[in-house]
Amino acid sequence: MTLNELATRYQISPVVISRWKSEFMERAQEVFKKGPSTAEKELEEKQEEIEGLHRKIGQLTVEVDFLKKKSAEILKRK
């Protein structure tokens, strides 16, 4: 199909289709590359960082609760 036929069929501007094509051609290697993309690697790293921070928050929460309990016990003794 020609560009104009595609544009008419899908009711999209020919300019938009041309832009999509040029963007795809620039990134075609990345699209068909095997293995995780750079964006996927970055996302995985960020998720691991978030999980680590959640673990740290949990640990600190437990420590704060423990210290509150112990400080209340100490204050009751006086």
C-alpha atoms as a PDB file:
ATOM      1  CA  MET A   1       0.000   0.000   0.000  1.00  0.00           C
ATOM      2  CA  THR A   2       1.110   3.534  -0.597  1.00  0.00           C
ATOM      3  CA  LEU A   3       1.500   6.081   2.137  1.00  0.00           C
ATOM      4  CA  ASN A   4      -1.684   7.860   1.096  1.00  0.00           C
ATOM      5  CA  GLU A   5      -3.635   4.599   0.974  1.00  0.00           C
ATOM      6  CA  LEU A   6      -2.526   3.734   4.496  1.00  0.00           C
ATOM      7  CA  ALA A   7      -3.381   7.222   5.722  1.00  0.00           C
ATOM      8  CA  THR A   8      -6.852   7.027   4.209  1.00  0.00           C
ATOM      9  CA  ARG A   9      -7.501   3.500   5.415  1.00  0.00           C
ATOM     10  CA  TYR A  10      -6.527   4.202   9.046  1.00  0.00           C
ATOM     11  CA  GLN A  11      -7.572   7.865   9.065  1.00  0.00           C
ATOM     12  CA  ILE A  12      -4.116   9.030  10.071  1.00  0.00           C
ATOM     13  CA  SER A  13      -2.123  11.877   8.614  1.00  0.00           C
ATOM     14  CA  PRO A  14       0.569  10.784   6.128  1.00  0.00           C
ATOM     15  CA  VAL A  15       3.006  12.979   8.065  1.00  0.00           C
ATOM     16  CA  VAL A  16       2.388  10.941  11.223  1.00  0.00           C
ATOM     17  CA  ILE A  17       2.948   7.669   9.377  1.00  0.00           C
ATOM     18  CA  SER A  18       6.179   9.026   7.897  1.00  0.00           C
ATOM     19  CA  ARG A  19       7.374  10.122  11.334  1.00  0.00           C
ATOM     20  CA  TRP A  20       6.561   6.694  12.812  1.00  0.00           C
ATOM     21  CA  LYS A  21       8.455   5.009  10.000  1.00  0.00           C
ATOM     22  CA  SER A  22      11.538   7.193  10.419  1.00  0.00           C
ATOM     23  CA  GLU A  23      11.544   6.673  14.203  1.00  0.00           C
ATOM     24  CA  PHE A  24      11.229   2.934  13.708  1.00  0.00           C
ATOM     25  CA  MET A  25      14.030   2.846  11.152  1.00  0.00           C
ATOM     26  CA  GLU A  26      16.300   4.729  13.571  1.00  0.00           C
ATOM     27  CA  ARG A  27      15.565   2.266  16.370  1.00  0.00           C
ATOM     28  CA  ALA A  28      15.016  -0.959  14.423  1.00  0.00           C
ATOM     29  CA  GLN A  29      18.200  -2.551  15.761  1.00  0.00           C
ATOM     30  CA  GLU A  30      17.116  -1.926  19.328  1.00  0.00           C
ATOM     31  CA  VAL A  31      13.623  -3.284  18.678  1.00  0.00           C
ATOM     32  CA  PHE A  32      14.887  -6.577  17.315  1.00  0.00           C
ATOM     33  CA  LYS A  33      17.939  -6.902  19.566  1.00  0.00           C
ATOM     34  CA  LYS A  34      17.981 -10.027  21.694  1.00  0.00           C
ATOM     35  CA  GLY A  35      18.142  -9.651  25.430  1.00  0.00           C
ATOM     36  CA  PRO A  36      16.869  -6.872  27.649  1.00  0.00           C
ATOM     37  CA  SER A  37      16.979  -3.315  26.345  1.00  0.00           C
ATOM     38  CA  THR A  38      18.709  -0.469  28.122  1.00  0.00           C
ATOM     39  CA  ALA A  39      15.360   0.788  29.398  1.00  0.00           C
ATOM     40  CA  GLU A  40      14.501  -2.663  30.747  1.00  0.00           C
ATOM     41  CA  LYS A  41      17.871  -2.893  32.503  1.00  0.00           C
ATOM     42  CA  GLU A  42      17.361   0.547  34.067  1.00  0.00           C
ATOM     43  CA  LEU A  43      13.861  -0.423  35.184  1.00  0.00           C
ATOM     44  CA  GLU A  44      15.167  -3.618  36.785  1.00  0.00           C
ATOM     45  CA  GLU A  45      17.903  -1.675  38.605  1.00  0.00           C
ATOM     46  CA  LYS A  46      15.356   0.837  39.911  1.00  0.00           C
ATOM     47  CA  GLN A  47      13.068  -1.970  41.080  1.00  0.00           C
ATOM     48  CA  GLU A  48      15.953  -3.604  42.942  1.00  0.00           C
ATOM     49  CA  GLU A  49      16.782  -0.256  44.539  1.00  0.00           C
ATOM     50  CA  ILE A  50      13.155   0.207  45.609  1.00  0.00           C
ATOM     51  CA  GLU A  51      13.046  -3.296  47.083  1.00  0.00           C
ATOM     52  CA  GLY A  52      16.226  -2.563  49.044  1.00  0.00           C
ATOM     53  CA  LEU A  53      14.747   0.667  50.363  1.00  0.00           C
ATOM     54  CA  HIS A  54      11.564  -1.154  51.402  1.00  0.00           C
ATOM     55  CA  ARG A  55      13.667  -3.690  53.311  1.00  0.00           C
ATOM     56  CA  LYS A  56      15.536  -0.862  55.033  1.00  0.00           C
ATOM     57  CA  ILE A  57      12.255   0.861  55.947  1.00  0.00           C
ATOM     58  CA  GLY A  58      11.008  -2.399  57.464  1.00  0.00           C
ATOM     59  CA  GLN A  59      14.204  -2.846  59.445  1.00  0.00           C
ATOM     60  CA  LEU A  60      14.118   0.725  60.748  1.00  0.00           C
ATOM     61  CA  THR A  61      10.449   0.391  61.687  1.00  0.00           C
ATOM     62  CA  VAL A  62      11.212  -2.708  63.735  1.00  0.00           C
ATOM     63  CA  GLU A  63      14.122  -0.931  65.436  1.00  0.00           C
ATOM     64  CA  VAL A  64      12.027   2.144  66.253  1.00  0.00           C
ATOM     65  CA  ASP A  65       9.238  -0.017  67.685  1.00  0.00           C
ATOM     66  CA  PHE A  66      11.758  -1.927  69.788  1.00  0.00           C
ATOM     67  CA  LEU A  67      13.331   1.275  71.099  1.00  0.00           C
ATOM     68  CA  LYS A  68       9.928   2.770  71.924  1.00  0.00           C
ATOM     69  CA  LYS A  69       9.019  -0.337  73.884  1.00  0.00           C
ATOM     70  CA  LYS A  70      12.326  -0.390  75.762  1.00  0.00           C
ATOM     71  CA  SER A  71      12.228   3.344  76.537  1.00  0.00           C
ATOM     72  CA  ALA A  72       8.686   2.979  77.902  1.00  0.00           C
ATOM     73  CA  GLU A  73       9.884   0.111  80.118  1.00  0.00           C
ATOM     74  CA  ILE A  74      12.813   2.174  81.408  1.00  0.00           C
ATOM     75  CA  LEU A  75      10.601   5.190  82.145  1.00  0.00           C
ATOM     76  CA  LYS A  76       8.144   2.986  84.087  1.00  0.00           C
ATOM     77  CA  ARG A  77      10.952   1.721  86.356  1.00  0.00           C
ATOM     78  CA  LYS A  78      11.829   5.226  87.542  1.00  0.00           C
END
